[in-house]
């Protein structure tokens, strides 16, 4: 199911009960969200390449969160379109940096961060194989995924 078919999306961005000025704002937020979603779709589409052992983390996973919201947030809980936009962006970015595509400089860029260097100094003595080194690198950039994704999308 498309995220736009979820009940919460319809309430927030397609409601006929929105005041005229609110409709304009909702349309603008919906358009911006769509543009960001298109960029994030590219990132999350690469996760299965970099982290082949993970469950599905493509755009269908992100879109499914809207349906989950339908089950959690009832109509009585009022959100406005801006709050819905922020919620949607959180959905988009929560896994988006789990791909090296979020880092234009690739693994080299990850290894040049101060965070990586601190972790490496602490753990290097215990890492003996190249496979363990690579696994640590992947775990590191997954843990720091949102920052990479925001940077990729120029936000």
N, C-alpha and C. Protein backbone atom coordinates (compact mmCIF):
# COMPACT_ATOMS: atom_id res chain seq x y z
N UNK A 1 0.84 -1.18 0.00
CA UNK A 1 0.00 0.00 0.00
C UNK A 1 0.89 1.25 0.00
N UNK A 2 0.51 2.21 -0.78
CA UNK A 2 1.23 3.48 -0.84
C UNK A 2 1.00 4.26 0.45
N UNK A 3 2.01 4.98 0.88
CA UNK A 3 1.88 5.79 2.09
C UNK A 3 0.73 6.78 1.97
N UNK A 4 0.44 7.24 0.75
CA UNK A 4 -0.64 8.21 0.55
C UNK A 4 -2.02 7.60 0.75
N UNK A 5 -2.07 6.27 0.84
CA UNK A 5 -3.34 5.58 1.08
C UNK A 5 -3.61 5.34 2.56
N UNK A 6 -2.61 5.62 3.39
CA UNK A 6 -2.81 5.42 4.83
C UNK A 6 -3.82 6.44 5.35
N UNK A 7 -4.55 6.04 6.38
CA UNK A 7 -5.56 6.93 6.94
C UNK A 7 -4.94 8.21 7.52
N UNK A 8 -3.80 8.07 8.17
CA UNK A 8 -3.19 9.25 8.78
C UNK A 8 -2.71 10.24 7.71
N UNK A 9 -2.16 9.73 6.62
CA UNK A 9 -1.74 10.64 5.53
C UNK A 9 -2.96 11.37 4.97
N UNK A 10 -4.01 10.64 4.74
CA UNK A 10 -5.22 11.27 4.20
C UNK A 10 -5.77 12.33 5.14
N UNK A 11 -5.78 12.03 6.46
CA UNK A 11 -6.26 13.01 7.43
C UNK A 11 -5.40 14.26 7.45
N UNK A 12 -4.09 14.07 7.33
CA UNK A 12 -3.17 15.20 7.46
C UNK A 12 -3.03 16.02 6.18
N UNK A 13 -3.04 15.34 5.03
CA UNK A 13 -2.69 16.04 3.79
C UNK A 13 -3.77 16.06 2.72
N UNK A 14 -4.84 15.30 2.90
CA UNK A 14 -5.87 15.26 1.87
C UNK A 14 -7.27 15.52 2.42
N UNK A 15 -7.35 15.99 3.63
CA UNK A 15 -8.64 16.19 4.28
C UNK A 15 -9.41 17.35 3.67
N UNK A 16 -10.68 17.12 3.43
CA UNK A 16 -11.54 18.16 2.89
C UNK A 16 -11.97 19.14 3.99
N UNK A 17 -11.67 18.79 5.23
CA UNK A 17 -12.07 19.65 6.34
C UNK A 17 -11.02 20.71 6.69
N UNK A 18 -9.85 20.66 6.03
CA UNK A 18 -8.82 21.66 6.30
C UNK A 18 -9.28 23.04 5.81
N UNK A 19 -8.97 24.07 6.57
CA UNK A 19 -9.25 25.44 6.14
C UNK A 19 -8.40 25.72 4.90
N UNK A 20 -8.82 26.70 4.11
CA UNK A 20 -8.15 26.99 2.84
C UNK A 20 -6.66 27.26 3.01
N UNK A 21 -6.28 28.08 4.00
CA UNK A 21 -4.85 28.37 4.20
C UNK A 21 -4.11 27.12 4.68
N UNK A 22 -4.78 26.27 5.44
CA UNK A 22 -4.16 25.02 5.89
C UNK A 22 -3.98 24.05 4.72
N UNK A 23 -4.93 24.05 3.79
CA UNK A 23 -4.82 23.19 2.60
C UNK A 23 -3.57 23.55 1.81
N UNK A 24 -3.34 24.85 1.64
CA UNK A 24 -2.16 25.31 0.89
C UNK A 24 -0.88 24.85 1.59
N UNK A 25 -0.82 25.02 2.91
CA UNK A 25 0.35 24.58 3.67
C UNK A 25 0.53 23.07 3.58
N UNK A 26 -0.57 22.33 3.69
CA UNK A 26 -0.51 20.87 3.61
C UNK A 26 -0.01 20.41 2.24
N UNK A 27 -0.48 21.08 1.18
CA UNK A 27 -0.03 20.74 -0.17
C UNK A 27 1.46 21.00 -0.33
N UNK A 28 1.93 22.11 0.20
CA UNK A 28 3.36 22.45 0.11
C UNK A 28 4.19 21.42 0.87
N UNK A 29 3.78 21.09 2.09
CA UNK A 29 4.51 20.09 2.88
C UNK A 29 4.49 18.72 2.20
N UNK A 30 3.36 18.37 1.63
CA UNK A 30 3.25 17.09 0.91
C UNK A 30 4.20 17.05 -0.28
N UNK A 31 4.31 18.15 -1.00
CA UNK A 31 5.21 18.23 -2.15
C UNK A 31 6.67 18.12 -1.71
N UNK A 32 7.03 18.84 -0.67
CA UNK A 32 8.41 18.78 -0.16
C UNK A 32 8.71 17.37 0.33
N UNK A 33 7.75 16.77 1.04
CA UNK A 33 7.94 15.40 1.53
C UNK A 33 8.19 14.44 0.35
N UNK A 34 7.42 14.59 -0.70
CA UNK A 34 7.58 13.73 -1.88
C UNK A 34 8.97 13.87 -2.48
N UNK A 35 9.47 15.10 -2.56
CA UNK A 35 10.82 15.33 -3.10
C UNK A 35 11.89 14.66 -2.22
N UNK A 36 11.76 14.82 -0.91
CA UNK A 36 12.72 14.19 0.01
C UNK A 36 12.61 12.68 -0.10
N UNK A 37 11.38 12.17 -0.16
CA UNK A 37 11.17 10.71 -0.27
C UNK A 37 11.86 10.16 -1.52
N UNK A 38 11.79 10.88 -2.62
CA UNK A 38 12.44 10.44 -3.85
C UNK A 38 13.95 10.31 -3.66
N UNK A 39 14.56 11.27 -2.97
CA UNK A 39 16.00 11.20 -2.71
C UNK A 39 16.34 10.05 -1.76
N UNK A 40 15.55 9.93 -0.69
CA UNK A 40 15.81 8.88 0.29
C UNK A 40 15.60 7.50 -0.34
N UNK A 41 14.68 7.39 -1.26
CA UNK A 41 14.43 6.12 -1.94
C UNK A 41 15.70 5.58 -2.59
N UNK A 42 16.50 6.48 -3.14
CA UNK A 42 17.78 6.08 -3.74
C UNK A 42 18.72 5.49 -2.69
N UNK A 43 18.77 6.14 -1.54
CA UNK A 43 19.65 5.67 -0.46
C UNK A 43 19.22 4.32 0.06
N UNK A 44 17.95 4.22 0.44
CA UNK A 44 17.50 2.96 1.05
C UNK A 44 17.49 1.81 0.05
N UNK A 45 17.45 2.14 -1.23
CA UNK A 45 17.54 1.11 -2.27
C UNK A 45 18.90 0.44 -2.31
N UNK A 46 19.90 1.08 -1.72
CA UNK A 46 21.26 0.54 -1.70
C UNK A 46 21.57 -0.27 -0.44
N UNK A 47 20.71 -0.23 0.56
CA UNK A 47 21.01 -0.90 1.82
C UNK A 47 21.23 -2.39 1.62
N UNK A 48 20.43 -3.01 0.78
CA UNK A 48 20.57 -4.47 0.58
C UNK A 48 21.91 -4.84 -0.05
N UNK A 49 22.54 -3.90 -0.73
CA UNK A 49 23.85 -4.16 -1.33
C UNK A 49 24.93 -4.12 -0.25
N UNK A 50 24.87 -3.09 0.60
CA UNK A 50 25.90 -2.92 1.63
C UNK A 50 25.69 -3.83 2.83
N UNK A 51 24.44 -4.14 3.14
CA UNK A 51 24.12 -4.95 4.32
C UNK A 51 23.19 -6.09 3.90
N UNK A 52 23.73 -7.00 3.15
CA UNK A 52 22.91 -8.06 2.56
C UNK A 52 22.23 -8.96 3.59
N UNK A 53 22.73 -9.01 4.80
CA UNK A 53 22.13 -9.87 5.82
C UNK A 53 20.97 -9.23 6.56
N UNK A 54 20.70 -7.95 6.30
CA UNK A 54 19.62 -7.26 6.99
C UNK A 54 18.27 -7.58 6.34
N UNK A 55 17.21 -7.35 7.10
CA UNK A 55 15.87 -7.47 6.54
C UNK A 55 15.65 -6.33 5.54
N UNK A 56 14.54 -6.37 4.85
CA UNK A 56 14.24 -5.37 3.83
C UNK A 56 14.20 -3.99 4.47
N UNK A 57 14.97 -3.08 3.92
CA UNK A 57 15.01 -1.70 4.39
C UNK A 57 14.88 -0.73 3.22
N UNK A 58 14.17 -1.13 2.19
CA UNK A 58 13.98 -0.24 1.05
C UNK A 58 12.80 0.70 1.31
N UNK A 59 12.35 1.41 0.30
CA UNK A 59 11.29 2.40 0.49
C UNK A 59 9.98 1.76 0.90
N UNK A 60 9.77 0.49 0.57
CA UNK A 60 8.54 -0.18 1.00
C UNK A 60 8.51 -0.31 2.53
N UNK A 61 9.67 -0.52 3.12
CA UNK A 61 9.77 -0.59 4.58
C UNK A 61 9.40 0.77 5.19
N UNK A 62 9.92 1.82 4.62
CA UNK A 62 9.63 3.17 5.11
C UNK A 62 8.15 3.49 4.94
N UNK A 63 7.60 3.19 3.77
CA UNK A 63 6.19 3.47 3.51
C UNK A 63 5.27 2.69 4.43
N UNK A 64 5.66 1.48 4.80
CA UNK A 64 4.84 0.65 5.68
C UNK A 64 4.67 1.27 7.06
N UNK A 65 5.57 2.14 7.44
CA UNK A 65 5.45 2.79 8.75
C UNK A 65 4.20 3.66 8.84
N UNK A 66 3.75 4.19 7.71
CA UNK A 66 2.50 4.95 7.72
C UNK A 66 1.32 4.05 8.08
N UNK A 67 1.30 2.84 7.56
CA UNK A 67 0.23 1.90 7.90
C UNK A 67 0.31 1.51 9.37
N UNK A 68 1.52 1.35 9.87
CA UNK A 68 1.68 1.05 11.30
C UNK A 68 1.12 2.20 12.13
N UNK A 69 1.33 3.40 11.66
CA UNK A 69 0.79 4.58 12.35
C UNK A 69 -0.73 4.52 12.42
N UNK A 70 -1.35 4.05 11.37
CA UNK A 70 -2.81 3.93 11.36
C UNK A 70 -3.29 3.06 12.52
N UNK A 71 -2.50 2.05 12.85
CA UNK A 71 -2.89 1.14 13.93
C UNK A 71 -2.63 1.72 15.31
N UNK A 72 -1.73 2.68 15.39
CA UNK A 72 -1.31 3.23 16.68
C UNK A 72 -2.00 4.54 17.02
N UNK A 73 -2.14 5.41 16.04
CA UNK A 73 -2.67 6.75 16.27
C UNK A 73 -4.12 6.81 15.78
N UNK A 74 -5.03 6.96 16.72
CA UNK A 74 -6.45 7.03 16.36
C UNK A 74 -6.81 8.42 15.86
N UNK A 75 -8.01 8.54 15.31
CA UNK A 75 -8.46 9.83 14.80
C UNK A 75 -8.61 10.86 15.91
N UNK A 76 -8.79 10.39 17.14
CA UNK A 76 -8.94 11.31 18.26
C UNK A 76 -7.63 12.04 18.57
N UNK A 77 -6.51 11.44 18.21
CA UNK A 77 -5.21 12.07 18.46
C UNK A 77 -4.95 13.02 17.30
N UNK A 78 -4.97 14.28 17.60
CA UNK A 78 -4.87 15.30 16.55
C UNK A 78 -3.41 15.65 16.24
N UNK A 79 -3.06 15.54 14.98
CA UNK A 79 -1.79 16.03 14.47
C UNK A 79 -2.11 17.06 13.40
N UNK A 80 -1.22 18.01 13.24
CA UNK A 80 -1.41 18.95 12.13
C UNK A 80 -0.45 18.55 11.01
N UNK A 81 -0.61 19.13 9.82
CA UNK A 81 0.24 18.73 8.69
C UNK A 81 1.74 18.90 8.95
N UNK A 82 2.15 19.92 9.68
CA UNK A 82 3.58 20.09 9.97
C UNK A 82 4.09 18.95 10.84
N UNK A 83 3.32 18.57 11.84
CA UNK A 83 3.71 17.44 12.69
C UNK A 83 3.76 16.15 11.87
N UNK A 84 2.81 16.00 10.95
CA UNK A 84 2.82 14.82 10.07
C UNK A 84 4.04 14.81 9.16
N UNK A 85 4.42 15.97 8.67
CA UNK A 85 5.61 16.10 7.83
C UNK A 85 6.86 15.68 8.61
N UNK A 86 6.99 16.16 9.84
CA UNK A 86 8.14 15.82 10.67
C UNK A 86 8.14 14.33 10.97
N UNK A 87 6.99 13.76 11.27
CA UNK A 87 6.89 12.32 11.50
C UNK A 87 7.33 11.56 10.25
N UNK A 88 6.84 12.00 9.10
CA UNK A 88 7.21 11.34 7.85
C UNK A 88 8.70 11.42 7.56
N UNK A 89 9.31 12.57 7.84
CA UNK A 89 10.75 12.70 7.65
C UNK A 89 11.52 11.79 8.59
N UNK A 90 11.02 11.63 9.81
CA UNK A 90 11.65 10.68 10.74
C UNK A 90 11.58 9.27 10.16
N UNK A 91 10.44 8.91 9.56
CA UNK A 91 10.33 7.60 8.91
C UNK A 91 11.38 7.48 7.80
N UNK A 92 11.49 8.52 7.00
CA UNK A 92 12.41 8.47 5.86
C UNK A 92 13.87 8.31 6.29
N UNK A 93 14.27 9.07 7.30
CA UNK A 93 15.68 9.11 7.65
C UNK A 93 16.12 8.06 8.66
N UNK A 94 15.19 7.34 9.27
CA UNK A 94 15.60 6.45 10.36
C UNK A 94 16.57 5.36 9.91
N UNK A 95 16.53 4.94 8.68
CA UNK A 95 17.46 3.93 8.18
C UNK A 95 18.27 4.40 6.97
N UNK A 96 18.03 5.61 6.52
CA UNK A 96 18.56 6.05 5.23
C UNK A 96 20.08 6.05 5.13
N UNK A 97 20.76 6.20 6.22
CA UNK A 97 22.23 6.23 6.16
C UNK A 97 22.87 4.87 6.30
N UNK A 98 22.06 3.80 6.26
CA UNK A 98 22.61 2.46 6.39
C UNK A 98 23.29 1.98 5.11
N UNK A 99 23.40 2.85 4.17
CA UNK A 99 24.06 2.53 2.91
C UNK A 99 25.28 3.43 2.75
N UNK A 100 26.31 2.88 2.19
CA UNK A 100 27.49 3.71 1.92
C UNK A 100 27.17 4.83 0.94
N UNK A 101 26.07 4.71 0.21
CA UNK A 101 25.67 5.77 -0.72
C UNK A 101 25.40 7.08 0.01
N UNK A 102 25.13 7.02 1.30
CA UNK A 102 24.90 8.24 2.09
C UNK A 102 26.20 8.99 2.35
N UNK A 103 27.30 8.35 2.05
CA UNK A 103 28.62 8.93 2.29
C UNK A 103 29.34 9.06 0.95
N UNK A 104 29.33 10.24 0.34
CA UNK A 104 29.93 10.40 -0.99
C UNK A 104 31.37 9.89 -1.07
N UNK A 105 32.11 9.99 0.02
CA UNK A 105 33.49 9.52 0.05
C UNK A 105 33.63 8.06 0.39
N UNK A 106 32.50 7.36 0.51
CA UNK A 106 32.51 5.92 0.79
C UNK A 106 33.11 5.59 2.15
N UNK A 107 33.61 4.39 2.25
CA UNK A 107 34.16 3.90 3.52
C UNK A 107 35.34 4.75 3.98
N UNK A 108 36.05 5.33 3.01
CA UNK A 108 37.18 6.20 3.37
C UNK A 108 36.68 7.40 4.17
N UNK A 109 35.58 7.98 3.74
CA UNK A 109 35.00 9.12 4.46
C UNK A 109 34.60 8.73 5.88
N UNK A 110 33.98 7.56 6.01
CA UNK A 110 33.57 7.07 7.33
C UNK A 110 34.79 6.96 8.24
N UNK A 111 35.85 6.38 7.71
CA UNK A 111 37.05 6.15 8.52
C UNK A 111 37.80 7.43 8.87
N UNK A 112 37.47 8.52 8.20
CA UNK A 112 38.12 9.80 8.50
C UNK A 112 37.39 10.61 9.57
N UNK A 113 36.22 10.14 10.00
CA UNK A 113 35.49 10.89 11.02
C UNK A 113 36.14 10.72 12.39
N UNK A 114 36.00 11.74 13.21
CA UNK A 114 36.54 11.67 14.57
C UNK A 114 35.90 10.54 15.36
N UNK A 115 34.60 10.30 15.13
CA UNK A 115 33.92 9.22 15.84
C UNK A 115 34.55 7.88 15.52
N UNK A 116 34.81 7.66 14.23
CA UNK A 116 35.43 6.40 13.83
C UNK A 116 36.81 6.25 14.46
N UNK A 117 37.58 7.30 14.42
CA UNK A 117 38.94 7.23 14.97
C UNK A 117 38.92 6.90 16.45
N UNK A 118 37.98 7.50 17.21
CA UNK A 118 37.88 7.19 18.65
C UNK A 118 37.51 5.73 18.87
N UNK A 119 36.55 5.25 18.12
CA UNK A 119 36.13 3.84 18.27
C UNK A 119 37.27 2.92 17.86
N UNK A 120 37.92 3.24 16.77
CA UNK A 120 39.01 2.39 16.29
C UNK A 120 40.14 2.30 17.32
N UNK A 121 40.49 3.41 17.94
CA UNK A 121 41.54 3.41 18.96
C UNK A 121 41.18 2.48 20.12
N UNK A 122 39.91 2.46 20.49
CA UNK A 122 39.47 1.61 21.61
C UNK A 122 39.40 0.14 21.22
N UNK A 123 38.99 -0.14 20.01
CA UNK A 123 38.71 -1.52 19.63
C UNK A 123 39.79 -2.19 18.78
N UNK A 124 40.67 -1.41 18.18
CA UNK A 124 41.68 -1.95 17.27
C UNK A 124 42.48 -3.10 17.86
N UNK A 125 42.91 -3.02 19.11
CA UNK A 125 43.71 -4.12 19.64
C UNK A 125 42.97 -5.47 19.64
N UNK A 126 41.64 -5.43 19.66
CA UNK A 126 40.85 -6.66 19.71
C UNK A 126 40.42 -7.15 18.33
N UNK A 127 40.73 -6.40 17.29
CA UNK A 127 40.29 -6.77 15.94
C UNK A 127 41.48 -7.33 15.18
N UNK A 128 41.37 -8.60 14.85
CA UNK A 128 42.51 -9.25 14.22
C UNK A 128 42.30 -9.56 12.74
N UNK A 129 41.06 -9.68 12.31
CA UNK A 129 40.83 -10.08 10.92
C UNK A 129 40.25 -8.92 10.10
N UNK A 130 40.51 -8.93 8.80
CA UNK A 130 39.92 -7.90 7.93
C UNK A 130 38.39 -7.96 7.95
N UNK A 131 37.83 -9.16 8.10
CA UNK A 131 36.37 -9.30 8.14
C UNK A 131 35.80 -8.60 9.37
N UNK A 132 36.46 -8.76 10.50
CA UNK A 132 36.01 -8.10 11.73
C UNK A 132 36.13 -6.59 11.59
N UNK A 133 37.19 -6.14 10.95
CA UNK A 133 37.39 -4.71 10.72
C UNK A 133 36.26 -4.17 9.84
N UNK A 134 35.93 -4.87 8.78
CA UNK A 134 34.88 -4.42 7.88
C UNK A 134 33.52 -4.43 8.59
N UNK A 135 33.25 -5.44 9.40
CA UNK A 135 31.99 -5.52 10.14
C UNK A 135 31.86 -4.33 11.09
N UNK A 136 32.94 -3.99 11.79
CA UNK A 136 32.91 -2.85 12.69
C UNK A 136 32.63 -1.56 11.92
N UNK A 137 33.21 -1.43 10.77
CA UNK A 137 32.99 -0.25 9.95
C UNK A 137 31.52 -0.14 9.56
N UNK A 138 30.92 -1.24 9.10
CA UNK A 138 29.51 -1.23 8.71
C UNK A 138 28.61 -0.92 9.90
N UNK A 139 28.92 -1.52 11.04
CA UNK A 139 28.12 -1.25 12.24
C UNK A 139 28.22 0.22 12.63
N UNK A 140 29.40 0.78 12.48
CA UNK A 140 29.59 2.19 12.82
C UNK A 140 28.75 3.09 11.93
N UNK A 141 28.81 2.89 10.63
CA UNK A 141 28.07 3.82 9.79
C UNK A 141 26.58 3.59 9.88
N UNK A 142 26.13 2.38 10.24
CA UNK A 142 24.70 2.16 10.50
C UNK A 142 24.26 2.94 11.73
N UNK A 143 25.10 2.92 12.76
CA UNK A 143 24.77 3.62 14.00
C UNK A 143 24.73 5.13 13.80
N UNK A 144 25.43 5.64 12.81
CA UNK A 144 25.49 7.07 12.55
C UNK A 144 24.74 7.43 11.27
N UNK A 145 23.75 6.62 10.93
CA UNK A 145 23.11 6.70 9.62
C UNK A 145 22.36 8.00 9.35
N UNK A 146 21.68 8.55 10.32
CA UNK A 146 20.87 9.72 10.04
C UNK A 146 21.72 10.90 9.59
N UNK A 147 22.86 11.10 10.21
CA UNK A 147 23.74 12.21 9.83
C UNK A 147 24.17 12.08 8.38
N UNK A 148 24.55 10.89 7.96
CA UNK A 148 24.96 10.69 6.57
C UNK A 148 23.82 10.91 5.60
N UNK A 149 22.63 10.46 5.97
CA UNK A 149 21.48 10.62 5.08
C UNK A 149 21.10 12.08 4.93
N UNK A 150 21.10 12.82 6.02
CA UNK A 150 20.77 14.24 5.95
C UNK A 150 21.77 14.99 5.07
N UNK A 151 23.03 14.63 5.22
CA UNK A 151 24.08 15.25 4.42
C UNK A 151 23.87 14.94 2.94
N UNK A 152 23.56 13.67 2.64
CA UNK A 152 23.33 13.24 1.26
C UNK A 152 22.20 14.05 0.62
N UNK A 153 21.16 14.29 1.39
CA UNK A 153 19.99 15.00 0.86
C UNK A 153 20.13 16.51 0.98
N UNK A 154 21.30 16.95 1.42
CA UNK A 154 21.60 18.39 1.54
C UNK A 154 20.61 19.10 2.46
N UNK A 155 20.30 18.47 3.59
CA UNK A 155 19.37 19.07 4.55
C UNK A 155 20.10 19.49 5.80
